[in-house]
Amino acid sequence: MTTSEATDASTIAEIEETIARISSHNGVEGVMIMNRQGAIVKSTLVDKEQTKTQSAELTNLTAKASNIVAFLNPDDELKFLRIRSKQREILVSPEKEYILVVIQNPNESE
C-alpha cells in the first residue's frame, strides 16, 4: 500500500466516523460532505436528486456568504453558516477543500 492509499484509507475512515458521530445526535436528518465545487463526496440523504440539488444550492450560498464576509473585512473568512426555518436547520461548515453540511429538525430535540 502506498502512502497516498494509506492516507486515502485513513481519510475515508475519518469521514465515516465523523458522519456516524454527527448522525447519532437527536434531530439529525442528514449529513453531506462535498468538495468546494459541489460534488458530493459522501451523503446520508436517501433522495439522490434532492441531494444533488441541495449540494449545488448550498455550495453557491456558501460561496456568496464567504464573499460577503470578505467584502466586509478582507482579513476575515467564513467559518460557519447556520440557516434556521420553522421546520429545518442547516449547518454549514466550510473548510479549505470540503464543505460539511448537517440538516436537522430543531424541534425534535425540544
PDB file of N, CA and C in Angstrom:
ATOM      1  N   MET A   1       0.845  -1.177   0.000  1.00  0.00           N
ATOM      2  CA  MET A   1       0.000   0.000   0.000  1.00  0.00           C
ATOM      3  C   MET A   1       0.892   1.242   0.000  1.00  0.00           C
ATOM      4  N   THR A   2       0.614   2.168  -0.910  1.00  0.00           N
ATOM      5  CA  THR A   2       1.411   3.384  -0.994  1.00  0.00           C
ATOM      6  C   THR A   2       0.973   4.363   0.089  1.00  0.00           C
ATOM      7  N   THR A   3       1.752   5.411   0.278  1.00  0.00           N
ATOM      8  CA  THR A   3       1.431   6.418   1.289  1.00  0.00           C
ATOM      9  C   THR A   3       0.114   7.103   0.972  1.00  0.00           C
ATOM     10  N   SER A   4      -0.128   7.417  -0.304  1.00  0.00           N
ATOM     11  CA  SER A   4      -1.378   8.094  -0.661  1.00  0.00           C
ATOM     12  C   SER A   4      -2.577   7.179  -0.450  1.00  0.00           C
ATOM     13  N   GLU A   5      -2.413   5.862  -0.701  1.00  0.00           N
ATOM     14  CA  GLU A   5      -3.506   4.927  -0.454  1.00  0.00           C
ATOM     15  C   GLU A   5      -3.799   4.823   1.035  1.00  0.00           C
ATOM     16  N   ALA A   6      -2.747   4.819   1.859  1.00  0.00           N
ATOM     17  CA  ALA A   6      -2.930   4.772   3.307  1.00  0.00           C
ATOM     18  C   ALA A   6      -3.617   6.048   3.789  1.00  0.00           C
ATOM     19  N   THR A   7      -3.215   7.191   3.233  1.00  0.00           N
ATOM     20  CA  THR A   7      -3.832   8.465   3.588  1.00  0.00           C
ATOM     21  C   THR A   7      -5.288   8.466   3.173  1.00  0.00           C
ATOM     22  N   ASP A   8      -5.564   7.999   1.959  1.00  0.00           N
ATOM     23  CA  ASP A   8      -6.940   7.936   1.488  1.00  0.00           C
ATOM     24  C   ASP A   8      -7.779   7.040   2.387  1.00  0.00           C
ATOM     25  N   ALA A   9      -7.241   5.897   2.775  1.00  0.00           N
ATOM     26  CA  ALA A   9      -7.962   4.974   3.638  1.00  0.00           C
ATOM     27  C   ALA A   9      -8.225   5.605   5.004  1.00  0.00           C
ATOM     28  N   SER A  10      -7.242   6.308   5.552  1.00  0.00           N
ATOM     29  CA  SER A  10      -7.446   6.948   6.850  1.00  0.00           C
ATOM     30  C   SER A  10      -8.423   8.115   6.735  1.00  0.00           C
ATOM     31  N   THR A  11      -8.380   8.828   5.621  1.00  0.00           N
ATOM     32  CA  THR A  11      -9.318   9.930   5.393  1.00  0.00           C
ATOM     33  C   THR A  11     -10.737   9.399   5.284  1.00  0.00           C
ATOM     34  N   ILE A  12     -10.923   8.310   4.543  1.00  0.00           N
ATOM     35  CA  ILE A  12     -12.244   7.709   4.395  1.00  0.00           C
ATOM     36  C   ILE A  12     -12.760   7.233   5.752  1.00  0.00           C
ATOM     37  N   ALA A  13     -11.903   6.609   6.533  1.00  0.00           N
ATOM     38  CA  ALA A  13     -12.296   6.145   7.865  1.00  0.00           C
ATOM     39  C   ALA A  13     -12.685   7.321   8.751  1.00  0.00           C
ATOM     40  N   GLU A  14     -11.939   8.409   8.658  1.00  0.00           N
ATOM     41  CA  GLU A  14     -12.245   9.602   9.448  1.00  0.00           C
ATOM     42  C   GLU A  14     -13.584  10.206   9.032  1.00  0.00           C
ATOM     43  N   ILE A  15     -13.851  10.251   7.723  1.00  0.00           N
ATOM     44  CA  ILE A  15     -15.126  10.766   7.214  1.00  0.00           C
ATOM     45  C   ILE A  15     -16.281   9.912   7.732  1.00  0.00           C
ATOM     46  N   GLU A  16     -16.137   8.598   7.624  1.00  0.00           N
ATOM     47  CA  GLU A  16     -17.182   7.683   8.090  1.00  0.00           C
ATOM     48  C   GLU A  16     -17.437   7.855   9.584  1.00  0.00           C
ATOM     49  N   GLU A  17     -16.380   7.983  10.364  1.00  0.00           N
ATOM     50  CA  GLU A  17     -16.505   8.163  11.810  1.00  0.00           C
ATOM     51  C   GLU A  17     -17.203   9.478  12.139  1.00  0.00           C
ATOM     52  N   THR A  18     -16.840  10.541  11.441  1.00  0.00           N
ATOM     53  CA  THR A  18     -17.444  11.857  11.660  1.00  0.00           C
ATOM     54  C   THR A  18     -18.931  11.823  11.336  1.00  0.00           C
ATOM     55  N   ILE A  19     -19.278  11.228  10.203  1.00  0.00           N
ATOM     56  CA  ILE A  19     -20.685  11.143   9.809  1.00  0.00           C
ATOM     57  C   ILE A  19     -21.481  10.324  10.818  1.00  0.00           C
ATOM     58  N   ALA A  20     -20.935   9.211  11.272  1.00  0.00           N
ATOM     59  CA  ALA A  20     -21.621   8.367  12.254  1.00  0.00           C
ATOM     60  C   ALA A  20     -21.834   9.129  13.563  1.00  0.00           C
ATOM     61  N   ARG A  21     -20.824   9.866  13.992  1.00  0.00           N
ATOM     62  CA  ARG A  21     -20.919  10.624  15.255  1.00  0.00           C
ATOM     63  C   ARG A  21     -21.991  11.704  15.146  1.00  0.00           C
ATOM     64  N   ILE A  22     -21.976  12.452  14.039  1.00  0.00           N
ATOM     65  CA  ILE A  22     -22.950  13.535  13.851  1.00  0.00           C
ATOM     66  C   ILE A  22     -24.360  12.960  13.703  1.00  0.00           C
ATOM     67  N   SER A  23     -24.495  11.895  12.938  1.00  0.00           N
ATOM     68  CA  SER A  23     -25.801  11.294  12.672  1.00  0.00           C
ATOM     69  C   SER A  23     -26.462  10.735  13.924  1.00  0.00           C
ATOM     70  N   SER A  24     -25.672  10.431  14.937  1.00  0.00           N
ATOM     71  CA  SER A  24     -26.222   9.852  16.163  1.00  0.00           C
ATOM     72  C   SER A  24     -26.947  10.879  17.036  1.00  0.00           C
ATOM     73  N   HIS A  25     -26.797  12.159  16.746  1.00  0.00           N
ATOM     74  CA  HIS A  25     -27.455  13.198  17.544  1.00  0.00           C
ATOM     75  C   HIS A  25     -28.943  13.267  17.216  1.00  0.00           C
ATOM     76  N   ASN A  26     -29.753  13.576  18.225  1.00  0.00           N
ATOM     77  CA  ASN A  26     -31.196  13.720  18.032  1.00  0.00           C
ATOM     78  C   ASN A  26     -31.498  14.803  17.010  1.00  0.00           C
ATOM     79  N   GLY A  27     -32.437  14.517  16.131  1.00  0.00           N
ATOM     80  CA  GLY A  27     -32.902  15.509  15.171  1.00  0.00           C
ATOM     81  C   GLY A  27     -32.136  15.549  13.868  1.00  0.00           C
ATOM     82  N   VAL A  28     -30.977  14.914  13.788  1.00  0.00           N
ATOM     83  CA  VAL A  28     -30.189  14.957  12.552  1.00  0.00           C
ATOM     84  C   VAL A  28     -30.889  14.114  11.488  1.00  0.00           C
ATOM     85  N   GLU A  29     -31.176  14.751  10.369  1.00  0.00           N
ATOM     86  CA  GLU A  29     -31.857  14.081   9.262  1.00  0.00           C
ATOM     87  C   GLU A  29     -30.897  13.680   8.154  1.00  0.00           C
ATOM     88  N   GLY A  30     -29.775  14.355   8.071  1.00  0.00           N
ATOM     89  CA  GLY A  30     -28.818  14.011   7.027  1.00  0.00           C
ATOM     90  C   GLY A  30     -27.525  14.775   7.165  1.00  0.00           C
ATOM     91  N   VAL A  31     -26.482  14.184   6.610  1.00  0.00           N
ATOM     92  CA  VAL A  31     -25.152  14.788   6.611  1.00  0.00           C
ATOM     93  C   VAL A  31     -24.612  14.685   5.186  1.00  0.00           C
ATOM     94  N   MET A  32     -24.046  15.772   4.692  1.00  0.00           N
ATOM     95  CA  MET A  32     -23.415  15.777   3.372  1.00  0.00           C
ATOM     96  C   MET A  32     -22.005  16.329   3.497  1.00  0.00           C
ATOM     97  N   ILE A  33     -21.100  15.715   2.785  1.00  0.00           N
ATOM     98  CA  ILE A  33     -19.762  16.274   2.624  1.00  0.00           C
ATOM     99  C   ILE A  33     -19.558  16.425   1.128  1.00  0.00           C
ATOM    100  N   MET A  34     -19.191  17.631   0.722  1.00  0.00           N
ATOM    101  CA  MET A  34     -18.973  17.887  -0.693  1.00  0.00           C
ATOM    102  C   MET A  34     -17.714  18.702  -0.871  1.00  0.00           C
ATOM    103  N   ASN A  35     -17.166  18.651  -2.086  1.00  0.00           N
ATOM    104  CA  ASN A  35     -15.996  19.481  -2.335  1.00  0.00           C
ATOM    105  C   ASN A  35     -16.451  20.909  -2.613  1.00  0.00           C
ATOM    106  N   ARG A  36     -15.538  21.810  -2.778  1.00  0.00           N
ATOM    107  CA  ARG A  36     -15.862  23.225  -2.959  1.00  0.00           C
ATOM    108  C   ARG A  36     -16.598  23.510  -4.263  1.00  0.00           C
ATOM    109  N   GLN A  37     -16.577  22.561  -5.194  1.00  0.00           N
ATOM    110  CA  GLN A  37     -17.297  22.720  -6.457  1.00  0.00           C
ATOM    111  C   GLN A  37     -18.709  22.144  -6.365  1.00  0.00           C
ATOM    112  N   GLY A  38     -19.047  21.527  -5.238  1.00  0.00           N
ATOM    113  CA  GLY A  38     -20.383  20.989  -5.034  1.00  0.00           C
ATOM    114  C   GLY A  38     -20.532  19.512  -5.315  1.00  0.00           C
ATOM    115  N   ALA A  39     -19.457  18.854  -5.729  1.00  0.00           N
ATOM    116  CA  ALA A  39     -19.524  17.410  -5.967  1.00  0.00           C
ATOM    117  C   ALA A  39     -19.658  16.692  -4.626  1.00  0.00           C
ATOM    118  N   ILE A  40     -20.597  15.782  -4.538  1.00  0.00           N
ATOM    119  CA  ILE A  40     -20.875  15.083  -3.292  1.00  0.00           C
ATOM    120  C   ILE A  40     -19.813  14.015  -3.049  1.00  0.00           C
ATOM    121  N   VAL A  41     -19.148  14.108  -1.912  1.00  0.00           N
ATOM    122  CA  VAL A  41     -18.154  13.126  -1.502  1.00  0.00           C
ATOM    123  C   VAL A  41     -18.844  12.003  -0.739  1.00  0.00           C
ATOM    124  N   LYS A  42     -19.759  12.392   0.158  1.00  0.00           N
ATOM    125  CA  LYS A  42     -20.489  11.411   0.972  1.00  0.00           C
ATOM    126  C   LYS A  42     -21.778  12.066   1.442  1.00  0.00           C
ATOM    127  N   SER A  43     -22.859  11.281   1.463  1.00  0.00           N
ATOM    128  CA  SER A  43     -24.137  11.803   1.930  1.00  0.00           C
ATOM    129  C   SER A  43     -24.945  10.680   2.563  1.00  0.00           C
ATOM    130  N   THR A  44     -25.693  11.032   3.608  1.00  0.00           N
ATOM    131  CA  THR A  44     -26.596  10.069   4.224  1.00  0.00           C
ATOM    132  C   THR A  44     -28.031  10.301   3.770  1.00  0.00           C
ATOM    133  N   LEU A  45     -28.254  11.307   2.931  1.00  0.00           N
ATOM    134  CA  LEU A  45     -29.599  11.579   2.425  1.00  0.00           C
ATOM    135  C   LEU A  45     -29.990  10.501   1.423  1.00  0.00           C
ATOM    136  N   VAL A  46     -31.243  10.095   1.462  1.00  0.00           N
ATOM    137  CA  VAL A  46     -31.715   8.987   0.637  1.00  0.00           C
ATOM    138  C   VAL A  46     -32.021   9.431  -0.798  1.00  0.00           C
ATOM    139  N   ASP A  47     -32.682  10.560  -0.961  1.00  0.00           N
ATOM    140  CA  ASP A  47     -33.096  11.043  -2.279  1.00  0.00           C
ATOM    141  C   ASP A  47     -31.901  11.652  -3.009  1.00  0.00           C
ATOM    142  N   LYS A  48     -31.404  10.943  -4.026  1.00  0.00           N
ATOM    143  CA  LYS A  48     -30.183  11.364  -4.731  1.00  0.00           C
ATOM    144  C   LYS A  48     -30.374  12.669  -5.507  1.00  0.00           C
ATOM    145  N   GLU A  49     -31.547  12.852  -6.133  1.00  0.00           N
ATOM    146  CA  GLU A  49     -31.795  14.093  -6.877  1.00  0.00           C
ATOM    147  C   GLU A  49     -31.858  15.288  -5.934  1.00  0.00           C
ATOM    148  N   GLN A  50     -32.550  15.107  -4.819  1.00  0.00           N
ATOM    149  CA  GLN A  50     -32.636  16.175  -3.823  1.00  0.00           C
ATOM    150  C   GLN A  50     -31.250  16.480  -3.254  1.00  0.00           C
ATOM    151  N   THR A  51     -30.444  15.453  -3.065  1.00  0.00           N
ATOM    152  CA  THR A  51     -29.087  15.627  -2.556  1.00  0.00           C
ATOM    153  C   THR A  51     -28.261  16.475  -3.522  1.00  0.00           C
ATOM    154  N   LYS A  52     -28.352  16.183  -4.819  1.00  0.00           N
ATOM    155  CA  LYS A  52     -27.620  16.955  -5.831  1.00  0.00           C
ATOM    156  C   LYS A  52     -28.065  18.411  -5.835  1.00  0.00           C
ATOM    157  N   THR A  53     -29.381  18.625  -5.766  1.00  0.00           N
ATOM    158  CA  THR A  53     -29.927  19.987  -5.777  1.00  0.00           C
ATOM    159  C   THR A  53     -29.474  20.756  -4.538  1.00  0.00           C
ATOM    160  N   GLN A  54     -29.603  20.124  -3.371  1.00  0.00           N
ATOM    161  CA  GLN A  54     -29.193  20.789  -2.133  1.00  0.00           C
ATOM    162  C   GLN A  54     -27.701  21.082  -2.136  1.00  0.00           C
ATOM    163  N   SER A  55     -26.920  20.153  -2.630  1.00  0.00           N
ATOM    164  CA  SER A  55     -25.474  20.346  -2.689  1.00  0.00           C
ATOM    165  C   SER A  55     -25.122  21.559  -3.548  1.00  0.00           C
ATOM    166  N   ALA A  56     -25.740  21.647  -4.718  1.00  0.00           N
ATOM    167  CA  ALA A  56     -25.461  22.780  -5.622  1.00  0.00           C
ATOM    168  C   ALA A  56     -25.877  24.110  -4.992  1.00  0.00           C
ATOM    169  N   GLU A  57     -27.062  24.138  -4.419  1.00  0.00           N
ATOM    170  CA  GLU A  57     -27.557  25.388  -3.822  1.00  0.00           C
ATOM    171  C   GLU A  57     -26.747  25.797  -2.599  1.00  0.00           C
ATOM    172  N   LEU A  58     -26.411  24.838  -1.759  1.00  0.00           N
ATOM    173  CA  LEU A  58     -25.633  25.171  -0.560  1.00  0.00           C
ATOM    174  C   LEU A  58     -24.201  25.560  -0.896  1.00  0.00           C
ATOM    175  N   THR A  59     -23.642  24.977  -1.951  1.00  0.00           N
ATOM    176  CA  THR A  59     -22.306  25.382  -2.397  1.00  0.00           C
ATOM    177  C   THR A  59     -22.331  26.839  -2.865  1.00  0.00           C
ATOM    178  N   ASN A  60     -23.357  27.191  -3.649  1.00  0.00           N
ATOM    179  CA  ASN A  60     -23.499  28.578  -4.113  1.00  0.00           C
ATOM    180  C   ASN A  60     -23.709  29.543  -2.947  1.00  0.00           C
ATOM    181  N   LEU A  61     -24.577  29.161  -2.007  1.00  0.00           N
ATOM    182  CA  LEU A  61     -24.847  30.010  -0.851  1.00  0.00           C
ATOM    183  C   LEU A  61     -23.590  30.206  -0.006  1.00  0.00           C
ATOM    184  N   THR A  62     -22.827  29.141   0.172  1.00  0.00           N
ATOM    185  CA  THR A  62     -21.586  29.221   0.951  1.00  0.00           C
ATOM    186  C   THR A  62     -20.590  30.156   0.282  1.00  0.00           C
ATOM    187  N   ALA A  63     -20.485  30.065  -1.031  1.00  0.00           N
ATOM    188  CA  ALA A  63     -19.575  30.953  -1.773  1.00  0.00           C
ATOM    189  C   ALA A  63     -20.017  32.409  -1.634  1.00  0.00           C
ATOM    190  N   LYS A  64     -21.316  32.658  -1.727  1.00  0.00           N
ATOM    191  CA  LYS A  64     -21.823  34.031  -1.584  1.00  0.00           C
ATOM    192  C   LYS A  64     -21.597  34.557  -0.170  1.00  0.00           C
ATOM    193  N   ALA A  65     -21.852  33.722   0.824  1.00  0.00           N
ATOM    194  CA  ALA A  65     -21.630  34.146   2.209  1.00  0.00           C
ATOM    195  C   ALA A  65     -20.148  34.432   2.456  1.00  0.00           C
ATOM    196  N   SER A  66     -19.279  33.606   1.885  1.00  0.00           N
ATOM    197  CA  SER A  66     -17.827  33.836   2.006  1.00  0.00           C
ATOM    198  C   SER A  66     -17.433  35.161   1.378  1.00  0.00           C
ATOM    199  N   ASN A  67     -18.022  35.460   0.226  1.00  0.00           N
ATOM    200  CA  ASN A  67     -17.731  36.724  -0.455  1.00  0.00           C
ATOM    201  C   ASN A  67     -18.193  37.922   0.368  1.00  0.00           C
ATOM    202  N   ILE A  68     -19.343  37.809   1.002  1.00  0.00           N
ATOM    203  CA  ILE A  68     -19.848  38.903   1.842  1.00  0.00           C
ATOM    204  C   ILE A  68     -18.921  39.137   3.028  1.00  0.00           C
ATOM    205  N   VAL A  69     -18.499  38.058   3.670  1.00  0.00           N
ATOM    206  CA  VAL A  69     -17.588  38.188   4.814  1.00  0.00           C
ATOM    207  C   VAL A  69     -16.289  38.857   4.373  1.00  0.00           C
ATOM    208  N   ALA A  70     -15.752  38.425   3.239  1.00  0.00           N
ATOM    209  CA  ALA A  70     -14.504  39.006   2.729  1.00  0.00           C
ATOM    210  C   ALA A  70     -14.706  40.468   2.320  1.00  0.00           C
ATOM    211  N   PHE A  71     -15.870  40.794   1.796  1.00  0.00           N
ATOM    212  CA  PHE A  71     -16.175  42.173   1.407  1.00  0.00           C
ATOM    213  C   PHE A  71     -16.216  43.075   2.640  1.00  0.00           C
ATOM    214  N   LEU A  72     -16.825  42.585   3.706  1.00  0.00           N
ATOM    215  CA  LEU A  72     -16.930  43.376   4.931  1.00  0.00           C
ATOM    216  C   LEU A  72     -15.585  43.569   5.610  1.00  0.00           C
ATOM    217  N   ASN A  73     -14.746  42.536   5.524  1.00  0.00           N
ATOM    218  CA  ASN A  73     -13.415  42.624   6.110  1.00  0.00           C
ATOM    219  C   ASN A  73     -12.502  41.658   5.347  1.00  0.00           C
ATOM    220  N   PRO A  74     -11.619  42.182   4.506  1.00  0.00           N
ATOM    221  CA  PRO A  74     -10.756  41.317   3.692  1.00  0.00           C
ATOM    222  C   PRO A  74      -9.853  40.379   4.496  1.00  0.00           C
ATOM    223  N   ASP A  75      -9.658  40.670   5.769  1.00  0.00           N
ATOM    224  CA  ASP A  75      -8.808  39.827   6.609  1.00  0.00           C
ATOM    225  C   ASP A  75      -9.597  38.716   7.317  1.00  0.00           C
ATOM    226  N   ASP A  76     -10.901  38.656   7.049  1.00  0.00           N
ATOM    227  CA  ASP A  76     -11.754  37.687   7.733  1.00  0.00           C
ATOM    228  C   ASP A  76     -12.169  36.583   6.756  1.00  0.00           C
ATOM    229  N   GLU A  77     -12.696  35.476   7.308  1.00  0.00           N
ATOM    230  CA  GLU A  77     -13.187  34.396   6.465  1.00  0.00           C
ATOM    231  C   GLU A  77     -14.379  33.717   7.127  1.00  0.00           C
ATOM    232  N   LEU A  78     -15.254  33.148   6.310  1.00  0.00           N
ATOM    233  CA  LEU A  78     -16.422  32.442   6.807  1.00  0.00           C
ATOM    234  C   LEU A  78     -15.987  31.141   7.463  1.00  0.00           C
ATOM    235  N   LYS A  79     -16.450  30.909   8.683  1.00  0.00           N
ATOM    236  CA  LYS A  79     -16.115  29.680   9.409  1.00  0.00           C
ATOM    237  C   LYS A  79     -17.326  28.779   9.600  1.00  0.00           C
ATOM    238  N   PHE A  80     -18.526  29.374   9.660  1.00  0.00           N
ATOM    239  CA  PHE A  80     -19.714  28.588   9.926  1.00  0.00           C
ATOM    240  C   PHE A  80     -20.937  29.367   9.453  1.00  0.00           C
ATOM    241  N   LEU A  81     -21.917  28.649   8.922  1.00  0.00           N
ATOM    242  CA  LEU A  81     -23.152  29.268   8.451  1.00  0.00           C
ATOM    243  C   LEU A  81     -24.320  28.452   8.988  1.00  0.00           C
ATOM    244  N   ARG A  82     -25.263  29.132   9.608  1.00  0.00           N
ATOM    245  CA  ARG A  82     -26.432  28.456  10.184  1.00  0.00           C
ATOM    246  C   ARG A  82     -27.685  29.074   9.603  1.00  0.00           C
ATOM    247  N   ILE A  83     -28.551  28.218   9.071  1.00  0.00           N
ATOM    248  CA  ILE A  83     -29.812  28.658   8.487  1.00  0.00           C
ATOM    249  C   ILE A  83     -30.914  27.921   9.233  1.00  0.00           C
ATOM    250  N   ARG A  84     -31.859  28.683   9.773  1.00  0.00           N
ATOM    251  CA  ARG A  84     -32.936  28.040  10.531  1.00  0.00           C
ATOM    252  C   ARG A  84     -34.285  28.519  10.018  1.00  0.00           C
ATOM    253  N   SER A  85     -35.157  27.565   9.753  1.00  0.00           N
ATOM    254  CA  SER A  85     -36.536  27.851   9.391  1.00  0.00           C
ATOM    255  C   SER A  85     -37.422  27.231  10.468  1.00  0.00           C
ATOM    256  N   LYS A  86     -38.722  27.254  10.252  1.00  0.00           N
ATOM    257  CA  LYS A  86     -39.627  26.661  11.241  1.00  0.00           C
ATOM    258  C   LYS A  86     -39.426  25.156  11.352  1.00  0.00           C
ATOM    259  N   GLN A  87     -39.076  24.514  10.223  1.00  0.00           N
ATOM    260  CA  GLN A  87     -39.022  23.057  10.205  1.00  0.00           C
ATOM    261  C   GLN A  87     -37.622  22.468  10.136  1.00  0.00           C
ATOM    262  N   ARG A  88     -36.651  23.210   9.672  1.00  0.00           N
ATOM    263  CA  ARG A  88     -35.313  22.657   9.469  1.00  0.00           C
ATOM    264  C   ARG A  88     -34.246  23.647   9.938  1.00  0.00           C
ATOM    265  N   GLU A  89     -33.103  23.064  10.206  1.00  0.00           N
ATOM    266  CA  GLU A  89     -31.911  23.852  10.483  1.00  0.00           C
ATOM    267  C   GLU A  89     -30.798  23.251   9.647  1.00  0.00           C
ATOM    268  N   ILE A  90     -30.093  24.122   8.929  1.00  0.00           N
ATOM    269  CA  ILE A  90     -28.990  23.676   8.073  1.00  0.00           C
ATOM    270  C   ILE A  90     -27.715  24.301   8.612  1.00  0.00           C
ATOM    271  N   LEU A  91     -26.766  23.446   8.953  1.00  0.00           N
ATOM    272  CA  LEU A  91     -25.485  23.885   9.496  1.00  0.00           C
ATOM    273  C   LEU A  91     -24.417  23.622   8.443  1.00  0.00           C
ATOM    274  N   VAL A  92     -23.673  24.657   8.101  1.00  0.00           N
ATOM    275  CA  VAL A  92     -22.665  24.552   7.047  1.00  0.00           C
ATOM    276  C   VAL A  92     -21.310  24.934   7.624  1.00  0.00           C
ATOM    277  N   SER A  93     -20.358  24.015   7.477  1.00  0.00           N
ATOM    278  CA  SER A  93     -19.006  24.261   7.959  1.00  0.00           C
ATOM    279  C   SER A  93     -18.037  24.149   6.780  1.00  0.00           C
ATOM    280  N   PRO A  94     -17.691  25.299   6.181  1.00  0.00           N
ATOM    281  CA  PRO A  94     -16.768  25.261   5.044  1.00  0.00           C
ATOM    282  C   PRO A  94     -15.320  25.136   5.505  1.00  0.00           C
ATOM    283  N   GLU A  95     -14.611  24.232   4.889  1.00  0.00           N
ATOM    284  CA  GLU A  95     -13.186  24.065   5.140  1.00  0.00           C
ATOM    285  C   GLU A  95     -12.439  24.411   3.857  1.00  0.00           C
ATOM    286  N   LYS A  96     -11.149  24.237   3.860  1.00  0.00           N
ATOM    287  CA  LYS A  96     -10.335  24.612   2.700  1.00  0.00           C
ATOM    288  C   LYS A  96     -10.753  23.864   1.433  1.00  0.00           C
ATOM    289  N   GLU A  97     -10.924  22.546   1.529  1.00  0.00           N
ATOM    290  CA  GLU A  97     -11.239  21.740   0.355  1.00  0.00           C
ATOM    291  C   GLU A  97     -12.661  21.198   0.344  1.00  0.00           C
ATOM    292  N   TYR A  98     -13.288  21.118   1.514  1.00  0.00           N
ATOM    293  CA  TYR A  98     -14.597  20.480   1.619  1.00  0.00           C
ATOM    294  C   TYR A  98     -15.588  21.350   2.360  1.00  0.00           C
ATOM    295  N   ILE A  99     -16.870  21.014   2.190  1.00  0.00           N
ATOM    296  CA  ILE A  99     -17.945  21.669   2.926  1.00  0.00           C
ATOM    297  C   ILE A  99     -18.736  20.573   3.628  1.00  0.00           C
ATOM    298  N   LEU A 100     -18.894  20.706   4.934  1.00  0.00           N
ATOM    299  CA  LEU A 100     -19.689  19.769   5.722  1.00  0.00           C
ATOM    300  C   LEU A 100     -21.050  20.408   5.971  1.00  0.00           C
ATOM    301  N   VAL A 101     -22.118  19.672   5.672  1.00  0.00           N
ATOM    302  CA  VAL A 101     -23.481  20.170   5.866  1.00  0.00           C
ATOM    303  C   VAL A 101     -24.245  19.179   6.739  1.00  0.00           C
ATOM    304  N   VAL A 102     -24.927  19.712   7.739  1.00  0.00           N
ATOM    305  CA  VAL A 102     -25.804  18.903   8.583  1.00  0.00           C
ATOM    306  C   VAL A 102     -27.202  19.491   8.474  1.00  0.00           C
ATOM    307  N   ILE A 103     -28.161  18.632   8.157  1.00  0.00           N
ATOM    308  CA  ILE A 103     -29.560  19.042   8.084  1.00  0.00           C
ATOM    309  C   ILE A 103     -30.263  18.386   9.265  1.00  0.00           C
ATOM    310  N   GLN A 104     -30.948  19.210  10.053  1.00  0.00           N
ATOM    311  CA  GLN A 104     -31.595  18.655  11.232  1.00  0.00           C
ATOM    312  C   GLN A 104     -32.950  19.290  11.474  1.00  0.00           C
ATOM    313  N   ASN A 105     -33.735  18.600  12.269  1.00  0.00           N
ATOM    314  CA  ASN A 105     -35.030  19.102  12.710  1.00  0.00           C
ATOM    315  C   ASN A 105     -34.802  19.696  14.092  1.00  0.00           C
ATOM    316  N   PRO A 106     -34.816  21.028  14.208  1.00  0.00           N
ATOM    317  CA  PRO A 106     -34.516  21.650  15.504  1.00  0.00           C
ATOM    318  C   PRO A 106     -35.603  21.404  16.537  1.00  0.00           C
ATOM    319  N   ASN A 107     -36.801  21.027  16.095  1.00  0.00           N
ATOM    320  CA  ASN A 107     -37.911  20.812  17.018  1.00  0.00           C
ATOM    321  C   ASN A 107     -37.884  19.428  17.656  1.00  0.00           C
ATOM    322  N   GLU A 108     -37.149  18.512  17.072  1.00  0.00           N
ATOM    323  CA  GLU A 108     -37.117  17.143  17.593  1.00  0.00           C
ATOM    324  C   GLU A 108     -36.415  17.051  18.937  1.00  0.00           C
ATOM    325  N   SER A 109     -35.441  17.928  19.168  1.00  0.00           N
ATOM    326  CA  SER A 109     -34.681  17.864  20.429  1.00  0.00           C
ATOM    327  C   SER A 109     -35.327  18.681  21.534  1.00  0.00           C
ATOM    328  N   GLU A 110     -36.392  19.421  21.188  1.00  0.00           N
ATOM    329  CA  GLU A 110     -37.053  20.275  22.202  1.00  0.00           C
ATOM    330  C   GLU A 110     -38.023  19.499  23.038  1.00  0.00           C
TER     331      GLU A 110
END
